[in-house]
Amino acid sequence: MLGSDLLHGVYVANVTPFHTDPARSIDVTAYRLHARWLAGYGVDGIVPFGTNGEGPSVATHEKLAVFETLLADDLGIQIVPTVAEGNLSDTVALLERLNDLAVAAVLVLPPYYFKPVEAEGMTAFYERVLEVSRHPVLAYHIPKYAVPVPLAVVTSLPLWGVKDSDGKPAYSEAVRASGRGVLLGTEDDLPGRLPHVEGSISALANIVPEQVVELYRLVRDGEDARAQELSAHLQRVRALTKEYASPGLLKLLAQGRHGTPMGTVRPPLVPVPDSYDVEDALGRLALGPHA
């Protein structure tokens, strides 16, 4: 589906609530409530089990159970599963299971252990992915945590496009010039970059979905001054979320807003200290609870 508008707007790189039991099992009830809260603010979709969703720490059978539950809930938003299995065999196995589910597309991370990777090897990986998947495929370009997906690989294959988490406009511009789509995975300069891409996959939307949706609207409507003002506020929200290098902070802040307990993180990540003052953090940004 090259050049289609299949995916557009605001997607959430949604977090995964875990119980505090020894297995750190997924709290599916909290997961569903969080997704419903996000949908209520008009996001276009969610992207489960990516970086902020701790996807590499979650087993395939756990992911599938969540996908099936979300689809049964029929929230009126798109579900774009992240496939980040670390090897081709497990990637293919998950894609084959996803073929039977009514997801909008799949976001596929290349195997991330071996560095550097030749473009030939990356091409072979995505050729197999495209051969197996019945859904449109996005390549997950996140060099900070994985291997980069070369531009030549993206433009030579019938991918829908990429999630670009590198933050370099030239890469996204070249992808779009080839007729493929881009969803931004970073939140730097959204007013400047959103007009030139299909949308974004936002971590901040876990806690301020209404503001990220509004920013997208302002940009699309050409309300530049208001977009810049809101973007500056979102950068302050972003700085707050960086106080701890853990998706656990996103969970706490989301919990502070909608009231659903969001649990903990899975090892090797560690939770935010119990002493963290969520009310104070939200108050600093004038974000009320249960909004």
C-alpha atoms as a PDB file:
ATOM      1  CA  MET A   1       0.000   0.000   0.000  1.00  0.00           C
ATOM      2  CA  LEU A   2       2.626   2.473  -1.071  1.00  0.00           C
ATOM      3  CA  GLY A   3       1.611   6.095  -0.881  1.00  0.00           C
ATOM      4  CA  SER A   4      -1.723   5.322   0.768  1.00  0.00           C
ATOM      5  CA  ASP A   5      -3.218   7.242   3.654  1.00  0.00           C
ATOM      6  CA  LEU A   6      -3.860   4.024   5.533  1.00  0.00           C
ATOM      7  CA  LEU A   7      -1.994   5.391   8.553  1.00  0.00           C
ATOM      8  CA  HIS A   8      -2.232   9.037   9.527  1.00  0.00           C
ATOM      9  CA  GLY A   9      -2.590  11.145  12.626  1.00  0.00           C
ATOM     10  CA  VAL A  10      -1.618  10.490  16.229  1.00  0.00           C
ATOM     11  CA  TYR A  11      -0.638   7.024  17.426  1.00  0.00           C
ATOM     12  CA  VAL A  12       0.413   6.222  20.974  1.00  0.00           C
ATOM     13  CA  ALA A  13       3.556   4.271  21.824  1.00  0.00           C
ATOM     14  CA  ASN A  14       1.522   2.906  24.694  1.00  0.00           C
ATOM     15  CA  VAL A  15       2.961   1.533  27.903  1.00  0.00           C
ATOM     16  CA  THR A  16       2.309  -1.931  29.341  1.00  0.00           C
ATOM     17  CA  PRO A  17       0.987  -2.200  32.911  1.00  0.00           C
ATOM     18  CA  PHE A  18       2.483  -5.107  34.862  1.00  0.00           C
ATOM     19  CA  HIS A  19       1.312  -6.584  38.149  1.00  0.00           C
ATOM     20  CA  THR A  20       3.783  -6.729  41.027  1.00  0.00           C
ATOM     21  CA  ASP A  21       3.629 -10.536  41.270  1.00  0.00           C
ATOM     22  CA  PRO A  22       6.925 -12.440  40.813  1.00  0.00           C
ATOM     23  CA  ALA A  23       6.202 -13.038  37.112  1.00  0.00           C
ATOM     24  CA  ARG A  24       5.308  -9.374  36.532  1.00  0.00           C
ATOM     25  CA  SER A  25       2.269 -10.576  34.582  1.00  0.00           C
ATOM     26  CA  ILE A  26       0.458  -8.117  32.324  1.00  0.00           C
ATOM     27  CA  ASP A  27      -2.449  -6.327  33.977  1.00  0.00           C
ATOM     28  CA  VAL A  28      -4.833  -6.753  31.053  1.00  0.00           C
ATOM     29  CA  THR A  29      -7.637  -4.861  32.783  1.00  0.00           C
ATOM     30  CA  ALA A  30      -5.433  -1.806  33.273  1.00  0.00           C
ATOM     31  CA  TYR A  31      -4.159  -2.174  29.705  1.00  0.00           C
ATOM     32  CA  ARG A  32      -7.703  -2.086  28.358  1.00  0.00           C
ATOM     33  CA  LEU A  33      -8.723   0.878  30.509  1.00  0.00           C
ATOM     34  CA  HIS A  34      -5.664   2.868  29.481  1.00  0.00           C
ATOM     35  CA  ALA A  35      -6.338   2.139  25.804  1.00  0.00           C
ATOM     36  CA  ARG A  36      -9.987   3.152  26.237  1.00  0.00           C
ATOM     37  CA  TRP A  37      -8.910   6.422  27.891  1.00  0.00           C
ATOM     38  CA  LEU A  38      -6.574   7.172  24.988  1.00  0.00           C
ATOM     39  CA  ALA A  39      -9.282   6.390  22.442  1.00  0.00           C
ATOM     40  CA  GLY A  40     -11.622   8.773  24.241  1.00  0.00           C
ATOM     41  CA  TYR A  41      -9.276  11.645  23.434  1.00  0.00           C
ATOM     42  CA  GLY A  42      -9.330  10.969  19.716  1.00  0.00           C
ATOM     43  CA  VAL A  43      -6.013   9.283  19.044  1.00  0.00           C
ATOM     44  CA  ASP A  44      -5.978   7.434  15.745  1.00  0.00           C
ATOM     45  CA  GLY A  45      -4.354   4.300  17.064  1.00  0.00           C
ATOM     46  CA  ILE A  46      -2.015   2.620  19.495  1.00  0.00           C
ATOM     47  CA  VAL A  47       1.261   0.822  18.818  1.00  0.00           C
ATOM     48  CA  PRO A  48       1.610  -1.850  21.515  1.00  0.00           C
ATOM     49  CA  PHE A  49       4.845  -3.444  22.716  1.00  0.00           C
ATOM     50  CA  GLY A  50       7.359  -1.036  21.275  1.00  0.00           C
ATOM     51  CA  THR A  51      10.186   0.549  23.245  1.00  0.00           C
ATOM     52  CA  ASN A  52       7.958   2.249  25.818  1.00  0.00           C
ATOM     53  CA  GLY A  53       5.708  -0.808  25.861  1.00  0.00           C
ATOM     54  CA  GLU A  54       8.684  -2.979  26.905  1.00  0.00           C
ATOM     55  CA  GLY A  55       8.008  -5.236  23.933  1.00  0.00           C
ATOM     56  CA  PRO A  56      11.305  -7.154  23.986  1.00  0.00           C
ATOM     57  CA  SER A  57      10.459  -8.216  27.569  1.00  0.00           C
ATOM     58  CA  VAL A  58       7.061  -9.674  26.621  1.00  0.00           C
ATOM     59  CA  ALA A  59       6.461 -13.178  25.278  1.00  0.00           C
ATOM     60  CA  THR A  60       4.563 -13.824  22.054  1.00  0.00           C
ATOM     61  CA  HIS A  61       1.645 -15.563  23.747  1.00  0.00           C
ATOM     62  CA  GLU A  62       1.216 -12.596  26.099  1.00  0.00           C
ATOM     63  CA  LYS A  63       1.181 -10.143  23.216  1.00  0.00           C
ATOM     64  CA  LEU A  64      -1.371 -12.155  21.264  1.00  0.00           C
ATOM     65  CA  ALA A  65      -3.705 -12.332  24.247  1.00  0.00           C
ATOM     66  CA  VAL A  66      -3.600  -8.533  24.552  1.00  0.00           C
ATOM     67  CA  PHE A  67      -4.149  -7.989  20.815  1.00  0.00           C
ATOM     68  CA  GLU A  68      -7.169 -10.281  20.791  1.00  0.00           C
ATOM     69  CA  THR A  69      -8.639  -8.497  23.800  1.00  0.00           C
ATOM     70  CA  LEU A  70      -8.108  -5.033  22.328  1.00  0.00           C
ATOM     71  CA  LEU A  71      -9.682  -6.025  19.031  1.00  0.00           C
ATOM     72  CA  ALA A  72     -12.660  -7.519  20.843  1.00  0.00           C
ATOM     73  CA  ASP A  73     -13.094  -4.233  22.740  1.00  0.00           C
ATOM     74  CA  ASP A  74     -13.536  -2.476  19.361  1.00  0.00           C
ATOM     75  CA  LEU A  75     -12.383   0.942  20.586  1.00  0.00           C
ATOM     76  CA  GLY A  76     -12.654   2.571  17.180  1.00  0.00           C
ATOM     77  CA  ILE A  77      -8.903   3.068  16.838  1.00  0.00           C
ATOM     78  CA  GLN A  78      -6.245   1.269  14.822  1.00  0.00           C
ATOM     79  CA  ILE A  79      -4.001  -1.341  16.406  1.00  0.00           C
ATOM     80  CA  VAL A  80      -0.464  -1.488  14.989  1.00  0.00           C
ATOM     81  CA  PRO A  81       1.497  -4.261  16.756  1.00  0.00           C
ATOM     82  CA  THR A  82       5.232  -3.887  17.179  1.00  0.00           C
ATOM     83  CA  VAL A  83       7.173  -6.998  16.169  1.00  0.00           C
ATOM     84  CA  ALA A  84      10.558  -6.810  17.903  1.00  0.00           C
ATOM     85  CA  GLU A  85      11.543 -10.422  18.315  1.00  0.00           C
ATOM     86  CA  GLY A  86      15.283 -10.199  17.744  1.00  0.00           C
ATOM     87  CA  ASN A  87      15.510 -12.956  15.122  1.00  0.00           C
ATOM     88  CA  LEU A  88      13.867 -13.855  11.842  1.00  0.00           C
ATOM     89  CA  SER A  89      12.271 -17.144  12.945  1.00  0.00           C
ATOM     90  CA  ASP A  90      10.350 -15.625  15.861  1.00  0.00           C
ATOM     91  CA  THR A  91       9.489 -12.604  13.734  1.00  0.00           C
ATOM     92  CA  VAL A  92       7.914 -14.844  11.108  1.00  0.00           C
ATOM     93  CA  ALA A  93       6.063 -16.865  13.740  1.00  0.00           C
ATOM     94  CA  LEU A  94       4.470 -13.758  15.259  1.00  0.00           C
ATOM     95  CA  LEU A  95       3.610 -12.293  11.862  1.00  0.00           C
ATOM     96  CA  GLU A  96       1.848 -15.521  10.916  1.00  0.00           C
ATOM     97  CA  ARG A  97      -0.273 -15.281  14.047  1.00  0.00           C
ATOM     98  CA  LEU A  98      -1.019 -11.620  13.407  1.00  0.00           C
ATOM     99  CA  ASN A  99      -2.211 -12.455   9.894  1.00  0.00           C
ATOM    100  CA  ASP A 100      -5.400 -13.794  11.460  1.00  0.00           C
ATOM    101  CA  LEU A 101      -6.097 -10.594  13.390  1.00  0.00           C
ATOM    102  CA  ALA A 102      -7.708  -7.389  12.092  1.00  0.00           C
ATOM    103  CA  VAL A 103      -4.781  -5.097  12.867  1.00  0.00           C
ATOM    104  CA  ALA A 104      -4.106  -2.075  10.678  1.00  0.00           C
ATOM    105  CA  ALA A 105      -0.425  -2.748   9.987  1.00  0.00           C
ATOM    106  CA  VAL A 106       2.677  -4.144  11.669  1.00  0.00           C
ATOM    107  CA  LEU A 107       5.771  -2.277  12.837  1.00  0.00           C
ATOM    108  CA  VAL A 108       8.789  -4.545  12.441  1.00  0.00           C
ATOM    109  CA  LEU A 109      12.129  -3.999  14.132  1.00  0.00           C
ATOM    110  CA  PRO A 110      15.115  -5.693  12.476  1.00  0.00           C
ATOM    111  CA  PRO A 111      17.256  -8.073  14.571  1.00  0.00           C
ATOM    112  CA  TYR A 112      19.181  -5.750  16.835  1.00  0.00           C
ATOM    113  CA  TYR A 113      22.070  -7.763  18.282  1.00  0.00           C
ATOM    114  CA  PHE A 114      24.455  -7.944  15.336  1.00  0.00           C
ATOM    115  CA  LYS A 115      26.140  -4.646  14.461  1.00  0.00           C
ATOM    116  CA  PRO A 116      26.932  -3.479  11.885  1.00  0.00           C
ATOM    117  CA  VAL A 117      24.571  -5.118   9.404  1.00  0.00           C
ATOM    118  CA  GLU A 118      25.067  -5.010   5.651  1.00  0.00           C
ATOM    119  CA  ALA A 119      22.207  -3.603   3.583  1.00  0.00           C
ATOM    120  CA  GLU A 120      22.048  -6.947   1.767  1.00  0.00           C
ATOM    121  CA  GLY A 121      21.244  -8.738   5.015  1.00  0.00           C
ATOM    122  CA  MET A 122      18.667  -6.161   6.029  1.00  0.00           C
ATOM    123  CA  THR A 123      17.012  -6.466   2.633  1.00  0.00           C
ATOM    124  CA  ALA A 124      16.836 -10.242   2.987  1.00  0.00           C
ATOM    125  CA  PHE A 125      15.193  -9.845   6.407  1.00  0.00           C
ATOM    126  CA  TYR A 126      12.478  -7.467   5.218  1.00  0.00           C
ATOM    127  CA  GLU A 127      11.886  -9.446   2.019  1.00  0.00           C
ATOM    128  CA  ARG A 128      10.946 -12.411   4.185  1.00  0.00           C
ATOM    129  CA  VAL A 129       8.783 -10.201   6.416  1.00  0.00           C
ATOM    130  CA  LEU A 130       6.897  -8.869   3.391  1.00  0.00           C
ATOM    131  CA  GLU A 131       6.497 -12.359   2.006  1.00  0.00           C
ATOM    132  CA  VAL A 132       4.836 -13.546   5.220  1.00  0.00           C
ATOM    133  CA  SER A 133       2.765 -10.575   6.366  1.00  0.00           C
ATOM    134  CA  ARG A 134      -0.723  -9.993   5.025  1.00  0.00           C
ATOM    135  CA  HIS A 135      -0.685  -6.561   6.658  1.00  0.00           C
ATOM    136  CA  PRO A 136       1.144  -3.412   5.541  1.00  0.00           C
ATOM    137  CA  VAL A 137       4.637  -3.290   7.022  1.00  0.00           C
ATOM    138  CA  LEU A 138       6.503  -0.379   8.590  1.00  0.00           C
ATOM    139  CA  ALA A 139      10.216  -0.684   9.232  1.00  0.00           C
ATOM    140  CA  TYR A 140      11.224   0.465  12.705  1.00  0.00           C
ATOM    141  CA  HIS A 141      14.182   2.828  12.303  1.00  0.00           C
ATOM    142  CA  ILE A 142      15.557   3.488  15.786  1.00  0.00           C
ATOM    143  CA  PRO A 143      19.359   3.564  15.632  1.00  0.00           C
ATOM    144  CA  LYS A 144      19.677   4.552  19.298  1.00  0.00           C
ATOM    145  CA  TYR A 145      18.528   1.099  20.416  1.00  0.00           C
ATOM    146  CA  ALA A 146      18.780  -1.094  17.324  1.00  0.00           C
ATOM    147  CA  VAL A 147      20.477  -1.173  13.935  1.00  0.00           C
ATOM    148  CA  PRO A 148      19.501   1.566  11.466  1.00  0.00           C
ATOM    149  CA  VAL A 149      17.356   0.622   8.500  1.00  0.00           C
ATOM    150  CA  PRO A 150      19.233   1.925   5.439  1.00  0.00           C
ATOM    151  CA  LEU A 151      17.313   4.264   3.205  1.00  0.00           C
ATOM    152  CA  ALA A 152      18.102   2.068   0.199  1.00  0.00           C
ATOM    153  CA  VAL A 153      16.371  -0.865   1.890  1.00  0.00           C
ATOM    154  CA  VAL A 154      13.223   1.148   2.562  1.00  0.00           C
ATOM    155  CA  THR A 155      12.987   2.607  -0.922  1.00  0.00           C
ATOM    156  CA  SER A 156      13.692  -0.649  -2.742  1.00  0.00           C
ATOM    157  CA  LEU A 157      11.010  -2.741  -1.041  1.00  0.00           C
ATOM    158  CA  PRO A 158       7.189  -2.486  -0.969  1.00  0.00           C
ATOM    159  CA  LEU A 159       7.048  -1.348   2.648  1.00  0.00           C
ATOM    160  CA  TRP A 160       4.306   1.061   3.690  1.00  0.00           C
ATOM    161  CA  GLY A 161       7.085   3.153   5.158  1.00  0.00           C
ATOM    162  CA  VAL A 162       8.884   3.664   8.450  1.00  0.00           C
ATOM    163  CA  LYS A 163       8.570   4.715  12.028  1.00  0.00           C
ATOM    164  CA  ASP A 164      11.445   7.193  12.107  1.00  0.00           C
ATOM    165  CA  SER A 165      12.834   7.483  15.632  1.00  0.00           C
ATOM    166  CA  ASP A 166      16.161   8.959  14.588  1.00  0.00           C
ATOM    167  CA  GLY A 167      15.084  12.577  14.375  1.00  0.00           C
ATOM    168  CA  LYS A 168      16.920  13.443  11.167  1.00  0.00           C
ATOM    169  CA  PRO A 169      14.558  15.171   8.713  1.00  0.00           C
ATOM    170  CA  ALA A 170      16.585  14.217   5.633  1.00  0.00           C
ATOM    171  CA  TYR A 171      15.854  10.523   6.202  1.00  0.00           C
ATOM    172  CA  SER A 172      12.093  11.052   6.462  1.00  0.00           C
ATOM    173  CA  GLU A 173      12.101  13.375   3.466  1.00  0.00           C
ATOM    174  CA  ALA A 174      13.835  10.765   1.317  1.00  0.00           C
ATOM    175  CA  VAL A 175      11.431   8.045   2.461  1.00  0.00           C
ATOM    176  CA  ARG A 176       8.430  10.154   1.523  1.00  0.00           C
ATOM    177  CA  ALA A 177       9.998  11.168  -1.797  1.00  0.00           C
ATOM    178  CA  SER A 178      10.052   7.462  -2.650  1.00  0.00           C
ATOM    179  CA  GLY A 179       6.273   7.279  -2.222  1.00  0.00           C
ATOM    180  CA  ARG A 180       6.325   5.699   1.223  1.00  0.00           C
ATOM    181  CA  GLY A 181       4.915   6.947   4.493  1.00  0.00           C
ATOM    182  CA  VAL A 182       6.506   8.187   7.698  1.00  0.00           C
ATOM    183  CA  LEU A 183       5.285   8.205  11.268  1.00  0.00           C
ATOM    184  CA  LEU A 184       7.622  10.202  13.505  1.00  0.00           C
ATOM    185  CA  GLY A 185       8.897   8.420  16.582  1.00  0.00           C
ATOM    186  CA  THR A 186      10.502  11.511  18.113  1.00  0.00           C
ATOM    187  CA  GLU A 187       8.827  14.639  19.418  1.00  0.00           C
ATOM    188  CA  ASP A 188      11.431  17.201  18.415  1.00  0.00           C
ATOM    189  CA  ASP A 189      10.104  20.072  16.285  1.00  0.00           C
ATOM    190  CA  LEU A 190       6.679  18.567  15.629  1.00  0.00           C
ATOM    191  CA  PRO A 191       5.341  21.857  14.198  1.00  0.00           C
ATOM    192  CA  GLY A 192       8.162  21.864  11.652  1.00  0.00           C
ATOM    193  CA  ARG A 193       8.065  18.188  10.741  1.00  0.00           C
ATOM    194  CA  LEU A 194       4.431  17.071  10.973  1.00  0.00           C
ATOM    195  CA  PRO A 195       3.362  18.926   7.797  1.00  0.00           C
ATOM    196  CA  HIS A 196       5.722  16.707   5.808  1.00  0.00           C
ATOM    197  CA  VAL A 197       4.795  13.277   7.187  1.00  0.00           C
ATOM    198  CA  GLU A 198       1.709  11.180   7.829  1.00  0.00           C
ATOM    199  CA  GLY A 199       1.724  11.520  11.604  1.00  0.00           C
ATOM    200  CA  SER A 200       3.488  10.533  14.791  1.00  0.00           C
ATOM    201  CA  ILE A 201       3.847   7.667  17.242  1.00  0.00           C
ATOM    202  CA  SER A 202       4.017   9.518  20.530  1.00  0.00           C
ATOM    203  CA  ALA A 203       5.156   8.436  23.981  1.00  0.00           C
ATOM    204  CA  LEU A 204       3.863  11.694  25.475  1.00  0.00           C
ATOM    205  CA  ALA A 205       0.361  10.802  24.308  1.00  0.00           C
ATOM    206  CA  ASN A 206       0.285   8.241  27.135  1.00  0.00           C
ATOM    207  CA  ILE A 207      -0.185  11.155  29.544  1.00  0.00           C
ATOM    208  CA  VAL A 208      -1.397  14.110  27.436  1.00  0.00           C
ATOM    209  CA  PRO A 209      -3.280  12.530  24.506  1.00  0.00           C
ATOM    210  CA  GLU A 210      -5.568  15.528  24.117  1.00  0.00           C
ATOM    211  CA  GLN A 211      -2.605  17.869  23.717  1.00  0.00           C
ATOM    212  CA  VAL A 212      -0.805  15.723  21.154  1.00  0.00           C
ATOM    213  CA  VAL A 213      -4.037  15.361  19.155  1.00  0.00           C
ATOM    214  CA  GLU A 214      -4.596  19.118  19.345  1.00  0.00           C
ATOM    215  CA  LEU A 215      -1.052  19.826  18.177  1.00  0.00           C
ATOM    216  CA  TYR A 216      -1.583  17.598  15.151  1.00  0.00           C
ATOM    217  CA  ARG A 217      -4.787  19.509  14.345  1.00  0.00           C
ATOM    218  CA  LEU A 218      -3.136  22.901  14.739  1.00  0.00           C
ATOM    219  CA  VAL A 219      -0.312  21.913  12.414  1.00  0.00           C
ATOM    220  CA  ARG A 220      -2.686  20.548   9.799  1.00  0.00           C
ATOM    221  CA  ASP A 221      -4.855  23.675  10.006  1.00  0.00           C
ATOM    222  CA  GLY A 222      -1.861  25.979   9.636  1.00  0.00           C
ATOM    223  CA  GLU A 223      -2.270  27.600  13.060  1.00  0.00           C
ATOM    224  CA  ASP A 224       1.474  27.989  13.409  1.00  0.00           C
ATOM    225  CA  ALA A 225       1.684  30.301  16.421  1.00  0.00           C
ATOM    226  CA  ARG A 226      -0.597  28.172  18.564  1.00  0.00           C
ATOM    227  CA  ALA A 227       1.182  25.022  17.387  1.00  0.00           C
ATOM    228  CA  GLN A 228       4.545  26.441  18.477  1.00  0.00           C
ATOM    229  CA  GLU A 229       3.140  27.430  21.861  1.00  0.00           C
ATOM    230  CA  LEU A 230       1.673  23.976  22.483  1.00  0.00           C
ATOM    231  CA  SER A 231       4.853  22.317  21.238  1.00  0.00           C
ATOM    232  CA  ALA A 232       6.884  24.313  23.763  1.00  0.00           C
ATOM    233  CA  HIS A 233       4.599  23.059  26.520  1.00  0.00           C
ATOM    234  CA  LEU A 234       4.979  19.483  25.302  1.00  0.00           C
ATOM    235  CA  GLN A 235       8.741  19.849  25.486  1.00  0.00           C
ATOM    236  CA  ARG A 236       8.329  20.664  29.172  1.00  0.00           C
ATOM    237  CA  VAL A 237       6.190  17.557  29.573  1.00  0.00           C
ATOM    238  CA  ARG A 238       8.852  15.592  27.752  1.00  0.00           C
ATOM    239  CA  ALA A 239      11.566  16.899  30.063  1.00  0.00           C
ATOM    240  CA  LEU A 240       9.477  15.757  33.014  1.00  0.00           C
ATOM    241  CA  THR A 241       9.240  12.230  31.614  1.00  0.00           C
ATOM    242  CA  LYS A 242      13.033  12.092  31.341  1.00  0.00           C
ATOM    243  CA  GLU A 243      13.526  12.532  35.094  1.00  0.00           C
ATOM    244  CA  TYR A 244      13.786   8.738  35.224  1.00  0.00           C
ATOM    245  CA  ALA A 245      14.965   6.639  32.285  1.00  0.00           C
ATOM    246  CA  SER A 246      12.093   4.209  32.623  1.00  0.00           C
ATOM    247  CA  PRO A 247       8.630   3.792  31.075  1.00  0.00           C
ATOM    248  CA  GLY A 248       7.542   3.396  34.675  1.00  0.00           C
ATOM    249  CA  LEU A 249       7.388   7.179  34.936  1.00  0.00           C
ATOM    250  CA  LEU A 250       5.022   7.376  31.974  1.00  0.00           C
ATOM    251  CA  LYS A 251       2.837   4.825  33.749  1.00  0.00           C
ATOM    252  CA  LEU A 252       2.815   6.790  36.992  1.00  0.00           C
ATOM    253  CA  LEU A 253       1.939  10.035  35.239  1.00  0.00           C
ATOM    254  CA  ALA A 254      -0.816   8.364  33.227  1.00  0.00           C
ATOM    255  CA  GLN A 255      -2.132   6.825  36.428  1.00  0.00           C
ATOM    256  CA  GLY A 256      -2.134  10.268  38.009  1.00  0.00           C
ATOM    257  CA  ARG A 257      -4.333  11.560  35.234  1.00  0.00           C
ATOM    258  CA  HIS A 258      -6.899   8.808  34.734  1.00  0.00           C
ATOM    259  CA  GLY A 259      -6.782   7.016  38.068  1.00  0.00           C
ATOM    260  CA  THR A 260      -6.230   3.474  36.795  1.00  0.00           C
ATOM    261  CA  PRO A 261      -3.329   1.774  38.619  1.00  0.00           C
ATOM    262  CA  MET A 262      -0.649   1.139  35.977  1.00  0.00           C
ATOM    263  CA  GLY A 263       1.559  -1.221  37.947  1.00  0.00           C
ATOM    264  CA  THR A 264       5.267  -1.672  37.524  1.00  0.00           C
ATOM    265  CA  VAL A 265       7.945  -2.493  34.937  1.00  0.00           C
ATOM    266  CA  ARG A 266       9.626  -5.789  34.059  1.00  0.00           C
ATOM    267  CA  PRO A 267      13.250  -6.534  34.869  1.00  0.00           C
ATOM    268  CA  PRO A 268      15.853  -5.573  33.906  1.00  0.00           C
ATOM    269  CA  LEU A 269      14.099  -2.195  34.137  1.00  0.00           C
ATOM    270  CA  VAL A 270      13.519  -0.846  37.628  1.00  0.00           C
ATOM    271  CA  PRO A 271      10.458   1.042  38.853  1.00  0.00           C
ATOM    272  CA  VAL A 272      10.380   4.695  39.782  1.00  0.00           C
ATOM    273  CA  PRO A 273      11.016   5.128  43.544  1.00  0.00           C
ATOM    274  CA  ASP A 274       7.939   5.164  45.765  1.00  0.00           C
ATOM    275  CA  SER A 275       8.999   8.606  46.948  1.00  0.00           C
ATOM    276  CA  TYR A 276       8.265  10.164  43.552  1.00  0.00           C
ATOM    277  CA  ASP A 277       5.550  12.816  43.952  1.00  0.00           C
ATOM    278  CA  VAL A 278       3.172  12.359  41.020  1.00  0.00           C
ATOM    279  CA  GLU A 279       0.781  15.098  42.118  1.00  0.00           C
ATOM    280  CA  ASP A 280       3.628  17.584  42.319  1.00  0.00           C
ATOM    281  CA  ALA A 281       4.893  16.576  38.883  1.00  0.00           C
ATOM    282  CA  LEU A 282       1.487  16.990  37.282  1.00  0.00           C
ATOM    283  CA  GLY A 283       0.949  20.227  39.173  1.00  0.00           C
ATOM    284  CA  ARG A 284       4.137  21.684  37.761  1.00  0.00           C
ATOM    285  CA  LEU A 285       2.583  21.315  34.310  1.00  0.00           C
ATOM    286  CA  ALA A 286      -0.972  22.209  35.321  1.00  0.00           C
ATOM    287  CA  LEU A 287      -2.205  18.728  34.431  1.00  0.00           C
ATOM    288  CA  GLY A 288      -5.106  17.733  36.601  1.00  0.00           C
ATOM    289  CA  PRO A 289      -6.024  14.161  37.574  1.00  0.00           C
ATOM    290  CA  HIS A 290      -8.842  12.165  35.996  1.00  0.00           C
ATOM    291  CA  ALA A 291      -8.888  14.488  32.965  1.00  0.00           C
END
